């Protein structure tokens, strides 16, 4: 299994918004997110895993302000990806974390079992 075998989707749970900044209202400054991954094996079994985080949204002088009520899912995803890709912990790092967790679900390296002497 590789990163390319997993279907990834973003869930953007909430925005941190400054009511007024640089003569603009409701400026998004931080986005809480989860990156969900789903892998379907050759038997059709679905495995799901995710990574949760939050990232800062920074506007520079060349950015065009978008009013909060006009922000789309796609736009916010691009903001998250751009912000995360500026870090050492970038989007590929997050995808690899999801992949590692997924691999553990598909082929566990440790299994929790009840001791044979435990009462049922």
N, C-alpha and C. Protein backbone atom coordinates (compact mmCIF):
# COMPACT_ATOMS: atom_id res chain seq x y z
N UNK A 1 0.85 -1.17 0.00
CA UNK A 1 0.00 0.00 0.00
C UNK A 1 0.90 1.24 0.00
N UNK A 2 0.52 2.23 -0.83
CA UNK A 2 1.25 3.50 -0.90
C UNK A 2 0.27 4.66 -0.71
N UNK A 3 0.82 5.85 -0.63
CA UNK A 3 -0.02 7.06 -0.52
C UNK A 3 -1.03 7.11 -1.65
N UNK A 4 -0.63 6.68 -2.84
CA UNK A 4 -1.50 6.75 -4.02
C UNK A 4 -2.66 5.76 -3.98
N UNK A 5 -2.58 4.77 -3.10
CA UNK A 5 -3.66 3.78 -2.98
C UNK A 5 -4.79 4.26 -2.06
N UNK A 6 -4.58 5.37 -1.42
CA UNK A 6 -5.54 5.89 -0.44
C UNK A 6 -6.27 7.09 -1.04
N UNK A 7 -7.59 7.13 -0.84
CA UNK A 7 -8.38 8.29 -1.25
C UNK A 7 -8.43 9.24 -0.06
N UNK A 8 -7.95 10.46 -0.24
CA UNK A 8 -7.89 11.46 0.83
C UNK A 8 -8.97 12.50 0.66
N UNK A 9 -9.58 12.90 1.78
CA UNK A 9 -10.55 14.00 1.77
C UNK A 9 -10.31 14.88 2.99
N UNK A 10 -10.50 16.16 2.80
CA UNK A 10 -10.35 17.14 3.88
C UNK A 10 -11.68 17.34 4.59
N UNK A 11 -11.61 17.46 5.90
CA UNK A 11 -12.74 17.91 6.70
C UNK A 11 -12.26 19.15 7.44
N UNK A 12 -12.91 20.27 7.20
CA UNK A 12 -12.55 21.53 7.83
C UNK A 12 -13.61 21.83 8.88
N UNK A 13 -13.27 21.59 10.14
CA UNK A 13 -14.30 21.60 11.19
C UNK A 13 -14.66 23.00 11.67
N UNK A 14 -13.69 23.90 11.78
CA UNK A 14 -14.03 25.26 12.16
C UNK A 14 -12.90 26.23 11.85
N UNK A 15 -13.29 27.50 11.75
CA UNK A 15 -12.36 28.60 11.49
C UNK A 15 -12.20 29.41 12.77
N UNK A 16 -11.00 29.93 12.97
CA UNK A 16 -10.77 30.96 13.98
C UNK A 16 -10.79 32.26 13.19
N UNK A 17 -11.63 33.19 13.62
CA UNK A 17 -11.88 34.41 12.86
C UNK A 17 -11.65 35.63 13.74
N UNK A 18 -10.93 36.60 13.20
CA UNK A 18 -10.77 37.89 13.86
C UNK A 18 -11.89 38.78 13.36
N UNK A 19 -12.69 39.36 14.26
CA UNK A 19 -13.85 40.16 13.82
C UNK A 19 -13.49 41.30 12.88
N UNK A 20 -12.33 41.94 13.12
CA UNK A 20 -11.93 43.05 12.25
C UNK A 20 -10.40 43.12 12.21
N UNK A 21 -9.87 43.16 10.98
CA UNK A 21 -8.41 43.23 10.80
C UNK A 21 -8.12 43.90 9.47
N UNK A 22 -7.25 44.90 9.50
CA UNK A 22 -6.85 45.62 8.28
C UNK A 22 -8.06 46.10 7.47
N UNK A 23 -9.02 46.67 8.16
CA UNK A 23 -10.24 47.19 7.53
C UNK A 23 -11.09 46.13 6.84
N UNK A 24 -10.94 44.87 7.26
CA UNK A 24 -11.76 43.78 6.74
C UNK A 24 -12.50 43.14 7.92
N UNK A 25 -13.69 42.61 7.65
CA UNK A 25 -14.48 41.96 8.68
C UNK A 25 -14.36 40.44 8.58
N UNK A 26 -14.39 39.78 9.74
CA UNK A 26 -14.39 38.31 9.83
C UNK A 26 -13.25 37.69 9.02
N UNK A 27 -12.04 37.98 9.45
CA UNK A 27 -10.83 37.51 8.76
C UNK A 27 -10.43 36.14 9.33
N UNK A 28 -10.37 35.14 8.47
CA UNK A 28 -9.96 33.79 8.88
C UNK A 28 -8.47 33.81 9.17
N UNK A 29 -8.10 33.37 10.38
CA UNK A 29 -6.69 33.35 10.77
C UNK A 29 -6.18 31.94 11.06
N UNK A 30 -7.10 31.01 11.29
CA UNK A 30 -6.70 29.64 11.61
C UNK A 30 -7.82 28.69 11.19
N UNK A 31 -7.43 27.52 10.69
CA UNK A 31 -8.40 26.52 10.26
C UNK A 31 -8.08 25.20 10.95
N UNK A 32 -9.09 24.63 11.62
CA UNK A 32 -8.96 23.30 12.20
C UNK A 32 -9.37 22.29 11.12
N UNK A 33 -8.57 21.24 10.98
CA UNK A 33 -8.82 20.29 9.89
C UNK A 33 -8.57 18.85 10.32
N UNK A 34 -9.12 17.95 9.52
CA UNK A 34 -8.77 16.53 9.56
C UNK A 34 -8.57 16.10 8.12
N UNK A 35 -7.52 15.32 7.90
CA UNK A 35 -7.32 14.71 6.59
C UNK A 35 -7.68 13.23 6.74
N UNK A 36 -8.77 12.83 6.08
CA UNK A 36 -9.27 11.47 6.16
C UNK A 36 -8.74 10.66 4.97
N UNK A 37 -8.40 9.43 5.25
CA UNK A 37 -7.97 8.53 4.20
C UNK A 37 -8.80 7.26 4.21
N UNK A 38 -9.09 6.74 3.03
CA UNK A 38 -9.80 5.46 2.93
C UNK A 38 -9.07 4.58 1.93
N UNK A 39 -8.84 3.35 2.36
CA UNK A 39 -8.20 2.33 1.51
C UNK A 39 -9.16 1.16 1.39
N UNK A 40 -9.38 0.70 0.17
CA UNK A 40 -10.22 -0.47 -0.05
C UNK A 40 -9.33 -1.57 -0.62
N UNK A 41 -9.24 -2.68 0.12
CA UNK A 41 -8.35 -3.76 -0.31
C UNK A 41 -8.97 -4.60 -1.42
N UNK A 42 -8.21 -5.61 -1.85
CA UNK A 42 -8.65 -6.44 -2.98
C UNK A 42 -9.93 -7.23 -2.70
N UNK A 43 -10.28 -7.38 -1.42
CA UNK A 43 -11.53 -8.07 -1.05
C UNK A 43 -12.71 -7.11 -0.89
N UNK A 44 -12.46 -5.83 -1.12
CA UNK A 44 -13.50 -4.82 -0.98
C UNK A 44 -13.68 -4.32 0.44
N UNK A 45 -12.77 -4.71 1.34
CA UNK A 45 -12.83 -4.24 2.73
C UNK A 45 -12.31 -2.81 2.81
N UNK A 46 -13.06 -1.95 3.47
CA UNK A 46 -12.70 -0.54 3.61
C UNK A 46 -11.98 -0.30 4.94
N UNK A 47 -10.86 0.39 4.88
CA UNK A 47 -10.11 0.80 6.06
C UNK A 47 -10.04 2.32 6.06
N UNK A 48 -10.32 2.92 7.22
CA UNK A 48 -10.32 4.38 7.31
C UNK A 48 -9.41 4.84 8.44
N UNK A 49 -8.78 5.98 8.22
CA UNK A 49 -7.91 6.58 9.22
C UNK A 49 -7.87 8.08 8.96
N UNK A 50 -7.39 8.86 9.93
CA UNK A 50 -7.34 10.32 9.74
C UNK A 50 -6.23 10.93 10.58
N UNK A 51 -5.93 12.19 10.27
CA UNK A 51 -4.98 13.01 11.02
C UNK A 51 -5.66 14.35 11.26
N UNK A 52 -5.58 14.84 12.49
CA UNK A 52 -6.22 16.11 12.84
C UNK A 52 -5.18 17.15 13.21
N UNK A 53 -5.46 18.39 12.83
CA UNK A 53 -4.55 19.48 13.16
C UNK A 53 -5.23 20.82 12.99
N UNK A 54 -4.44 21.86 13.12
CA UNK A 54 -4.91 23.23 12.88
C UNK A 54 -3.75 23.98 12.25
N UNK A 55 -4.08 24.91 11.40
CA UNK A 55 -3.03 25.64 10.71
C UNK A 55 -3.38 27.12 10.61
N UNK A 56 -2.37 27.96 10.63
CA UNK A 56 -2.56 29.40 10.52
C UNK A 56 -2.77 29.81 9.06
N UNK A 57 -3.62 30.77 8.87
CA UNK A 57 -3.85 31.33 7.54
C UNK A 57 -3.28 32.74 7.57
N UNK A 58 -2.28 32.96 6.74
CA UNK A 58 -1.64 34.28 6.71
C UNK A 58 -1.87 34.94 5.37
N UNK A 59 -2.32 36.18 5.44
CA UNK A 59 -2.50 36.96 4.21
C UNK A 59 -1.32 37.90 4.08
N UNK A 60 -0.75 37.94 2.88
CA UNK A 60 0.30 38.92 2.64
C UNK A 60 -0.29 40.08 1.84
N UNK A 61 0.55 41.03 1.48
CA UNK A 61 0.08 42.24 0.80
C UNK A 61 -0.51 41.93 -0.58
N UNK A 62 -0.09 40.81 -1.19
CA UNK A 62 -0.56 40.50 -2.54
C UNK A 62 -1.84 39.65 -2.53
N UNK A 63 -2.25 39.18 -1.35
CA UNK A 63 -3.45 38.35 -1.26
C UNK A 63 -4.70 39.19 -1.45
N UNK A 64 -5.69 38.59 -2.08
CA UNK A 64 -6.98 39.21 -2.22
C UNK A 64 -7.88 38.70 -1.10
N UNK A 65 -8.49 39.62 -0.38
CA UNK A 65 -9.36 39.23 0.73
C UNK A 65 -10.65 38.63 0.19
N UNK A 66 -11.06 37.55 0.80
CA UNK A 66 -12.33 36.91 0.46
C UNK A 66 -13.25 37.00 1.67
N UNK A 67 -14.42 37.64 1.53
CA UNK A 67 -15.36 37.71 2.65
C UNK A 67 -15.73 36.30 3.12
N UNK A 68 -15.91 36.16 4.43
CA UNK A 68 -16.17 34.86 5.03
C UNK A 68 -17.32 34.12 4.36
N UNK A 69 -18.40 34.83 4.05
CA UNK A 69 -19.56 34.15 3.46
C UNK A 69 -19.33 33.72 2.01
N UNK A 70 -18.16 34.06 1.44
CA UNK A 70 -17.83 33.64 0.08
C UNK A 70 -16.72 32.60 0.03
N UNK A 71 -16.22 32.20 1.19
CA UNK A 71 -15.17 31.18 1.25
C UNK A 71 -15.78 29.82 0.92
N UNK A 72 -15.18 29.12 -0.03
CA UNK A 72 -15.64 27.79 -0.42
C UNK A 72 -14.76 26.72 0.22
N UNK A 73 -15.26 25.49 0.23
CA UNK A 73 -14.49 24.36 0.73
C UNK A 73 -13.16 24.25 -0.01
N UNK A 74 -13.23 24.33 -1.34
CA UNK A 74 -12.02 24.21 -2.17
C UNK A 74 -11.00 25.30 -1.83
N UNK A 75 -11.47 26.51 -1.65
CA UNK A 75 -10.60 27.63 -1.31
C UNK A 75 -9.92 27.40 0.03
N UNK A 76 -10.70 26.99 1.03
CA UNK A 76 -10.15 26.76 2.37
C UNK A 76 -9.16 25.60 2.35
N UNK A 77 -9.43 24.55 1.56
CA UNK A 77 -8.49 23.43 1.43
C UNK A 77 -7.15 23.92 0.88
N UNK A 78 -7.20 24.79 -0.11
CA UNK A 78 -5.97 25.34 -0.69
C UNK A 78 -5.20 26.16 0.35
N UNK A 79 -5.92 26.90 1.19
CA UNK A 79 -5.27 27.65 2.26
C UNK A 79 -4.57 26.72 3.23
N UNK A 80 -5.26 25.62 3.60
CA UNK A 80 -4.67 24.65 4.52
C UNK A 80 -3.42 24.03 3.90
N UNK A 81 -3.54 23.58 2.65
CA UNK A 81 -2.40 22.96 1.98
C UNK A 81 -1.22 23.92 1.86
N UNK A 82 -1.49 25.17 1.49
CA UNK A 82 -0.41 26.16 1.36
C UNK A 82 0.26 26.41 2.70
N UNK A 83 -0.54 26.54 3.74
CA UNK A 83 0.02 26.79 5.07
C UNK A 83 0.82 25.59 5.57
N UNK A 84 0.26 24.39 5.42
CA UNK A 84 0.96 23.18 5.89
C UNK A 84 2.23 22.93 5.09
N UNK A 85 2.23 23.25 3.80
CA UNK A 85 3.41 23.00 2.97
C UNK A 85 4.56 23.96 3.27
N UNK A 86 4.30 25.00 4.05
CA UNK A 86 5.36 25.91 4.49
C UNK A 86 6.11 25.33 5.68
N UNK A 87 5.57 24.28 6.29
CA UNK A 87 6.13 23.69 7.50
C UNK A 87 6.93 22.44 7.17
N UNK A 88 7.72 22.01 8.15
CA UNK A 88 8.39 20.71 8.01
C UNK A 88 7.32 19.62 7.96
N UNK A 89 6.24 19.82 8.75
CA UNK A 89 5.10 18.91 8.75
C UNK A 89 4.18 19.33 7.60
N UNK A 90 4.52 18.93 6.38
CA UNK A 90 3.72 19.35 5.23
C UNK A 90 2.63 18.32 4.90
N UNK A 91 1.90 18.54 3.83
CA UNK A 91 0.78 17.67 3.48
C UNK A 91 1.25 16.24 3.21
N UNK A 92 2.40 16.08 2.55
CA UNK A 92 2.90 14.71 2.33
C UNK A 92 3.25 14.03 3.65
N UNK A 93 3.77 14.78 4.61
CA UNK A 93 4.05 14.24 5.94
C UNK A 93 2.76 13.74 6.58
N UNK A 94 1.69 14.55 6.49
CA UNK A 94 0.39 14.17 7.05
C UNK A 94 -0.14 12.92 6.34
N UNK A 95 -0.05 12.89 5.01
CA UNK A 95 -0.51 11.72 4.26
C UNK A 95 0.27 10.47 4.68
N UNK A 96 1.56 10.62 4.92
CA UNK A 96 2.36 9.48 5.37
C UNK A 96 1.93 9.00 6.76
N UNK A 97 1.53 9.92 7.63
CA UNK A 97 1.03 9.52 8.94
C UNK A 97 -0.26 8.72 8.80
N UNK A 98 -1.15 9.19 7.92
CA UNK A 98 -2.39 8.45 7.66
C UNK A 98 -2.06 7.08 7.08
N UNK A 99 -1.11 7.03 6.14
CA UNK A 99 -0.69 5.77 5.53
C UNK A 99 -0.16 4.80 6.58
N UNK A 100 0.71 5.27 7.47
CA UNK A 100 1.28 4.41 8.51
C UNK A 100 0.19 3.85 9.41
N UNK A 101 -0.74 4.69 9.82
CA UNK A 101 -1.85 4.23 10.66
C UNK A 101 -2.71 3.22 9.89
N UNK A 102 -2.92 3.47 8.61
CA UNK A 102 -3.73 2.58 7.78
C UNK A 102 -3.04 1.23 7.64
N UNK A 103 -1.74 1.23 7.40
CA UNK A 103 -1.00 -0.02 7.27
C UNK A 103 -1.12 -0.86 8.54
N UNK A 104 -1.10 -0.21 9.70
CA UNK A 104 -1.23 -0.92 10.96
C UNK A 104 -2.61 -1.57 11.09
N UNK A 105 -3.62 -0.92 10.54
CA UNK A 105 -4.97 -1.51 10.57
C UNK A 105 -5.07 -2.70 9.61
N UNK A 106 -4.48 -2.57 8.42
CA UNK A 106 -4.57 -3.61 7.41
C UNK A 106 -3.74 -4.83 7.81
N UNK A 107 -2.51 -4.57 8.29
CA UNK A 107 -1.60 -5.65 8.70
C UNK A 107 -1.03 -5.30 10.07
N UNK A 108 -1.75 -5.61 11.14
CA UNK A 108 -1.31 -5.23 12.48
C UNK A 108 0.03 -5.86 12.87
N UNK A 109 0.87 -5.07 13.53
CA UNK A 109 2.14 -5.59 14.06
C UNK A 109 1.99 -6.00 15.51
N UNK A 110 0.94 -5.51 16.16
CA UNK A 110 0.63 -5.88 17.54
C UNK A 110 -0.87 -6.12 17.62
N UNK A 111 -1.25 -7.19 18.30
CA UNK A 111 -2.66 -7.53 18.48
C UNK A 111 -2.92 -7.65 19.98
N UNK A 112 -3.97 -7.04 20.46
CA UNK A 112 -4.36 -7.12 21.88
C UNK A 112 -5.22 -8.36 22.06
N UNK A 113 -4.85 -9.19 23.02
CA UNK A 113 -5.58 -10.43 23.26
C UNK A 113 -5.86 -10.58 24.75
N UNK A 114 -6.94 -11.26 25.08
CA UNK A 114 -7.29 -11.56 26.47
C UNK A 114 -6.45 -12.76 26.93
N UNK A 115 -5.85 -12.68 28.11
CA UNK A 115 -5.07 -13.82 28.61
C UNK A 115 -5.97 -15.05 28.74
N UNK A 116 -5.40 -16.23 28.51
CA UNK A 116 -6.22 -17.44 28.56
C UNK A 116 -6.81 -17.73 29.94
N UNK A 117 -6.21 -17.17 30.96
CA UNK A 117 -6.67 -17.43 32.33
C UNK A 117 -7.72 -16.41 32.80
N UNK A 118 -7.98 -15.37 31.99
CA UNK A 118 -8.94 -14.33 32.37
C UNK A 118 -10.35 -14.91 32.34
N UNK A 119 -11.16 -14.50 33.33
CA UNK A 119 -12.54 -14.97 33.37
C UNK A 119 -13.36 -14.30 32.28
N UNK A 120 -14.31 -15.05 31.80
CA UNK A 120 -15.18 -14.53 30.74
C UNK A 120 -16.50 -14.11 31.29
